[in-house]
Amino acid sequence: MKNLLLIDDDKELVSLLAEFLSLENYTIDTAFDGESGLQKALTGNYDLLLLDVMMPRLNGFEVLKLLRQKNDMPVLMLTAKGDEIDKVLGLEMGADDYLAKPFSERELLARIRAILRRTQHKNADTPSKLSHLDIELFPAQQQAICQDFTIELTGTELLLLEKFLAHPGELFSKAELSEEVLGKKLQPFDRSIDMHLSNIRRKLPTRIDGQTRVKNFRGRGYMWVDGERTQSEAS
């Protein structure tokens, strides 16, 4: 059974979701404010955190910021419907995904399963190490070594980087990356892939040769740059 922590100040919603997820064979722990929720997240053993944005005594963003300083636990942010700023900010700060309220129980369950699949994907087929130019990726340790720096990654960042390093120089559409890495179909205006890639770029040092690490081909997708490849080579 997977252990989930739900932090939300809406006690009625928490009660309903806890009952539903328990019936789906998840163990649920709860907190009703950011401060006590953060304490549980840092001291407990959870497979996934469900984190509301608007809460007393530390909001969801403050909780996420403090959590990411010490813990790479997968996080699903629960945001206000249509609030793009909340979604983008959560992803920038290291959330794995977001879900806008109100949502259906089945949609929540699908997101939980997708996050757990991609953040606990290690199996017999998972490589112990991937290397490309100045990067060495260690999936089991959920980290990378680049120019002697240790790069800590979230589970989603790990899978996205693993996808690119296994296929340098190959162009992937955002729709492909969303389905294969995030486990969900790409929706209009969904910037999840963009934000996760932005986080990876920010964490990695500049390439010694000065080349960009990943290129965005507008309307077509992303390519991890292999050596001296240029934009014309993707045409």
Protein backbone atom coordinates (compact mmCIF):
# COMPACT_ATOMS: atom_id res chain seq x y z
CA MET A 1 0.00 0.00 0.00
CA LYS A 2 1.19 3.50 -0.84
CA ASN A 3 1.24 6.16 1.86
CA LEU A 4 -0.24 9.53 0.92
CA LEU A 5 -0.24 12.80 2.86
CA LEU A 6 -3.10 15.23 2.15
CA ILE A 7 -2.70 18.82 3.36
CA ASP A 8 -5.83 20.95 2.91
CA ASP A 9 -7.80 23.21 5.26
CA ASP A 10 -11.16 22.10 3.78
CA LYS A 11 -12.03 19.45 6.36
CA GLU A 12 -15.11 18.23 4.51
CA LEU A 13 -13.14 17.71 1.29
CA VAL A 14 -10.30 16.02 3.19
CA SER A 15 -12.75 13.61 4.82
CA LEU A 16 -14.34 12.71 1.47
CA LEU A 17 -11.00 12.24 -0.32
CA ALA A 18 -9.51 10.24 2.55
CA GLU A 19 -12.46 7.85 2.49
CA PHE A 20 -12.32 7.49 -1.30
CA LEU A 21 -8.57 6.91 -1.45
CA SER A 22 -8.71 4.43 1.42
CA LEU A 23 -11.17 2.38 -0.62
CA GLU A 24 -8.59 2.45 -3.44
CA ASN A 25 -6.03 0.82 -1.07
CA TYR A 26 -4.04 3.91 -0.17
CA THR A 27 -3.03 4.75 3.38
CA ILE A 28 -3.99 8.38 4.04
CA ASP A 29 -2.59 10.81 6.59
CA THR A 30 -3.97 14.36 6.79
CA ALA A 31 -3.17 17.85 8.01
CA PHE A 32 -5.31 21.00 7.94
CA ASP A 33 -2.70 23.74 7.85
CA GLY A 34 0.67 24.24 6.21
CA GLU A 35 2.76 24.26 9.36
CA SER A 36 1.62 20.93 10.77
CA GLY A 37 1.52 19.47 7.28
CA LEU A 38 5.13 20.40 6.61
CA GLN A 39 6.18 18.81 9.89
CA LYS A 40 4.46 15.56 8.92
CA ALA A 41 5.96 15.66 5.43
CA LEU A 42 9.48 16.07 6.80
CA THR A 43 9.21 13.43 9.52
CA GLY A 44 6.91 10.82 7.94
CA ASN A 45 7.41 8.24 5.24
CA TYR A 46 5.10 9.13 2.36
CA ASP A 47 5.03 8.15 -1.30
CA LEU A 48 3.13 11.27 -2.41
CA LEU A 49 2.00 14.63 -1.04
CA LEU A 50 -1.33 16.17 -2.07
CA LEU A 51 -0.89 19.86 -1.29
CA ASP A 52 -3.52 22.61 -1.38
CA VAL A 53 -2.34 26.11 -2.29
CA MET A 54 -4.51 28.32 -0.08
CA MET A 55 -4.04 27.39 3.60
CA PRO A 56 -3.43 29.07 6.96
CA ARG A 57 -0.09 28.95 8.79
CA LEU A 58 2.06 28.55 5.65
CA ASN A 59 0.39 28.37 2.26
CA GLY A 60 1.07 25.57 -0.20
CA PHE A 61 3.91 27.41 -1.96
CA GLU A 62 5.69 28.08 1.31
CA VAL A 63 5.32 24.44 2.30
CA LEU A 64 6.67 23.30 -1.07
CA LYS A 65 9.64 25.67 -0.92
CA LEU A 66 10.65 24.47 2.55
CA LEU A 67 10.01 20.83 1.67
CA ARG A 68 12.20 20.96 -1.43
CA GLN A 69 15.16 22.12 0.63
CA LYS A 70 15.23 18.72 2.36
CA ASN A 71 12.97 16.26 0.54
CA ASP A 72 12.27 15.20 -3.07
CA MET A 73 8.92 13.56 -2.29
CA PRO A 74 6.51 13.71 -5.27
CA VAL A 75 4.01 16.57 -4.90
CA LEU A 76 0.62 17.07 -6.56
CA MET A 77 -0.55 20.67 -6.10
CA LEU A 78 -4.28 21.34 -5.74
CA THR A 79 -4.89 24.75 -7.33
CA ALA A 80 -7.80 27.08 -7.93
CA LYS A 81 -9.58 26.39 -11.21
CA GLY A 82 -8.11 28.39 -14.07
CA ASP A 83 -5.42 30.08 -11.96
CA GLU A 84 -2.46 29.77 -14.33
CA ILE A 85 -0.14 31.66 -11.99
CA ASP A 86 -0.61 29.05 -9.26
CA LYS A 87 0.05 26.23 -11.70
CA VAL A 88 3.21 27.76 -13.14
CA LEU A 89 4.57 28.82 -9.76
CA GLY A 90 4.01 25.35 -8.31
CA LEU A 91 5.87 23.68 -11.17
CA GLU A 92 8.70 26.22 -10.96
CA MET A 93 9.13 25.40 -7.29
CA GLY A 94 9.39 21.66 -7.92
CA ALA A 95 5.85 20.25 -7.87
CA ASP A 96 5.42 17.17 -10.06
CA ASP A 97 1.93 18.03 -11.30
CA TYR A 98 -1.13 20.11 -10.51
CA LEU A 99 -4.89 19.53 -10.46
CA ALA A 100 -7.42 22.35 -10.54
CA LYS A 101 -10.38 22.38 -8.17
CA PRO A 102 -13.10 21.26 -8.45
CA PHE A 103 -11.98 17.86 -9.73
CA SER A 104 -13.56 14.43 -9.92
CA GLU A 105 -12.40 11.62 -7.67
CA ARG A 106 -11.48 9.56 -10.74
CA GLU A 107 -9.38 12.37 -12.19
CA LEU A 108 -7.53 12.67 -8.88
CA LEU A 109 -6.95 8.92 -8.79
CA ALA A 110 -5.59 8.94 -12.35
CA ARG A 111 -3.14 11.74 -11.51
CA ILE A 112 -1.97 9.97 -8.35
CA ARG A 113 -1.36 6.73 -10.23
CA ALA A 114 0.49 8.53 -13.03
CA ILE A 115 2.80 10.34 -10.60
CA LEU A 116 3.54 7.17 -8.64
CA ARG A 117 4.29 5.27 -11.86
CA ARG A 118 6.78 7.84 -13.09
CA THR A 119 8.44 8.59 -9.75
CA GLN A 120 8.74 4.94 -8.70
CA HIS A 121 9.48 3.53 -12.13
CA LYS A 122 12.65 1.63 -11.25
CA ASN A 123 12.56 -1.93 -12.57
CA ALA A 124 14.79 -4.48 -14.24
CA ASP A 125 14.83 -2.42 -17.45
CA THR A 126 15.88 0.81 -15.77
CA PRO A 127 19.53 1.59 -16.56
CA SER A 128 21.82 2.00 -13.56
CA LYS A 129 23.57 4.85 -15.36
CA LEU A 130 23.14 7.04 -18.43
CA SER A 131 25.90 9.29 -19.76
CA HIS A 132 25.96 12.03 -22.36
CA LEU A 133 28.75 14.58 -22.76
CA ASP A 134 29.31 16.10 -19.29
CA ILE A 135 26.28 14.49 -17.58
CA GLU A 136 26.04 11.17 -15.75
CA LEU A 137 22.51 10.22 -14.64
CA PHE A 138 21.85 7.67 -11.89
CA PRO A 139 18.12 6.81 -11.92
CA ALA A 140 18.18 4.67 -8.78
CA GLN A 141 19.72 7.52 -6.76
CA GLN A 142 17.48 10.12 -8.46
CA GLN A 143 20.43 12.39 -9.13
CA ALA A 144 22.87 13.45 -11.78
CA ILE A 145 26.55 14.38 -11.77
CA CYS A 146 27.52 17.24 -14.05
CA GLN A 147 30.97 18.84 -14.07
CA ASP A 148 31.60 17.38 -10.59
CA PHE A 149 28.39 18.92 -9.24
CA THR A 150 25.70 16.67 -7.74
CA ILE A 151 22.30 17.63 -9.18
CA GLU A 152 19.27 16.65 -7.12
CA LEU A 153 16.20 15.91 -9.25
CA THR A 154 12.52 15.41 -8.60
CA GLY A 155 11.06 12.16 -9.90
CA THR A 156 9.51 13.91 -12.88
CA GLU A 157 12.72 15.76 -13.75
CA LEU A 158 14.58 12.47 -13.54
CA LEU A 159 12.29 10.75 -16.04
CA LEU A 160 12.35 13.69 -18.43
CA LEU A 161 16.14 13.92 -18.35
CA GLU A 162 16.41 10.14 -18.71
CA LYS A 163 14.22 10.31 -21.82
CA PHE A 164 16.43 12.94 -23.44
CA LEU A 165 19.79 11.43 -22.50
CA ALA A 166 18.72 8.07 -23.91
CA HIS A 167 17.90 9.79 -27.24
CA PRO A 168 20.18 12.83 -27.72
CA GLY A 169 19.59 14.65 -30.99
CA GLU A 170 16.05 13.27 -31.34
CA LEU A 171 13.10 15.65 -31.57
CA PHE A 172 10.15 14.94 -29.24
CA SER A 173 6.82 16.74 -29.41
CA LYS A 174 5.28 18.11 -26.23
CA ALA A 175 2.40 15.68 -26.71
CA GLU A 176 4.82 12.73 -26.76
CA LEU A 177 6.66 13.93 -23.68
CA SER A 178 3.43 14.60 -21.80
CA GLU A 179 2.08 11.10 -22.46
CA GLU A 180 5.36 9.19 -22.05
CA VAL A 181 6.82 11.11 -19.11
CA LEU A 182 3.87 12.73 -17.31
CA GLY A 183 1.39 9.96 -18.08
CA LYS A 184 -1.33 12.31 -19.32
CA LYS A 185 -2.55 13.69 -22.63
CA LEU A 186 -1.38 17.19 -23.43
CA GLN A 187 -4.10 19.75 -22.80
CA PRO A 188 -4.37 23.20 -24.42
CA PHE A 189 -2.13 25.75 -22.68
CA ASP A 190 -0.55 23.04 -20.48
CA ARG A 191 2.98 24.25 -19.64
CA SER A 192 4.03 21.33 -17.44
CA ILE A 193 6.72 20.03 -19.81
CA ASP A 194 8.08 23.56 -20.36
CA MET A 195 8.36 24.18 -16.62
CA HIS A 196 9.99 20.84 -15.80
CA LEU A 197 12.54 21.43 -18.57
CA SER A 198 13.15 24.95 -17.28
CA ASN A 199 13.89 23.50 -13.84
CA ILE A 200 16.36 21.00 -15.32
CA ARG A 201 18.12 23.75 -17.27
CA ARG A 202 18.36 25.90 -14.15
CA LYS A 203 19.87 23.07 -12.08
CA LEU A 204 22.51 22.08 -14.65
CA PRO A 205 25.66 24.19 -15.12
CA THR A 206 26.41 25.74 -18.50
CA ARG A 207 28.02 23.37 -20.99
CA ILE A 208 31.77 23.85 -21.24
CA ASP A 209 31.52 24.40 -25.01
CA GLY A 210 28.89 27.10 -24.50
CA GLN A 211 26.20 25.20 -26.46
CA THR A 212 22.63 25.12 -25.19
CA ARG A 213 21.60 21.77 -23.71
CA VAL A 214 18.06 21.60 -25.08
CA LYS A 215 16.46 23.39 -28.01
CA ASN A 216 12.82 24.34 -28.44
CA PHE A 217 11.57 24.01 -32.03
CA ARG A 218 8.46 26.18 -31.96
CA GLY A 219 5.32 24.21 -32.68
CA ARG A 220 7.28 20.95 -32.99
CA GLY A 221 8.85 20.12 -29.66
CA TYR A 222 12.19 19.76 -27.87
CA MET A 223 15.56 18.23 -28.68
CA TRP A 224 18.47 17.51 -26.34
CA VAL A 225 21.49 18.90 -28.21
CA ASP A 226 23.99 16.24 -29.27
CA GLY A 227 27.43 17.78 -29.75
CA GLU A 228 27.40 20.51 -32.39
CA ARG A 229 23.86 19.97 -33.68
CA THR A 230 22.10 23.06 -34.92
CA GLN A 231 18.47 23.92 -35.46
CA SER A 232 18.73 23.18 -39.20
CA GLU A 233 19.49 19.54 -38.47
CA ALA A 234 16.00 19.01 -37.08
CA SER A 235 14.35 20.01 -40.37
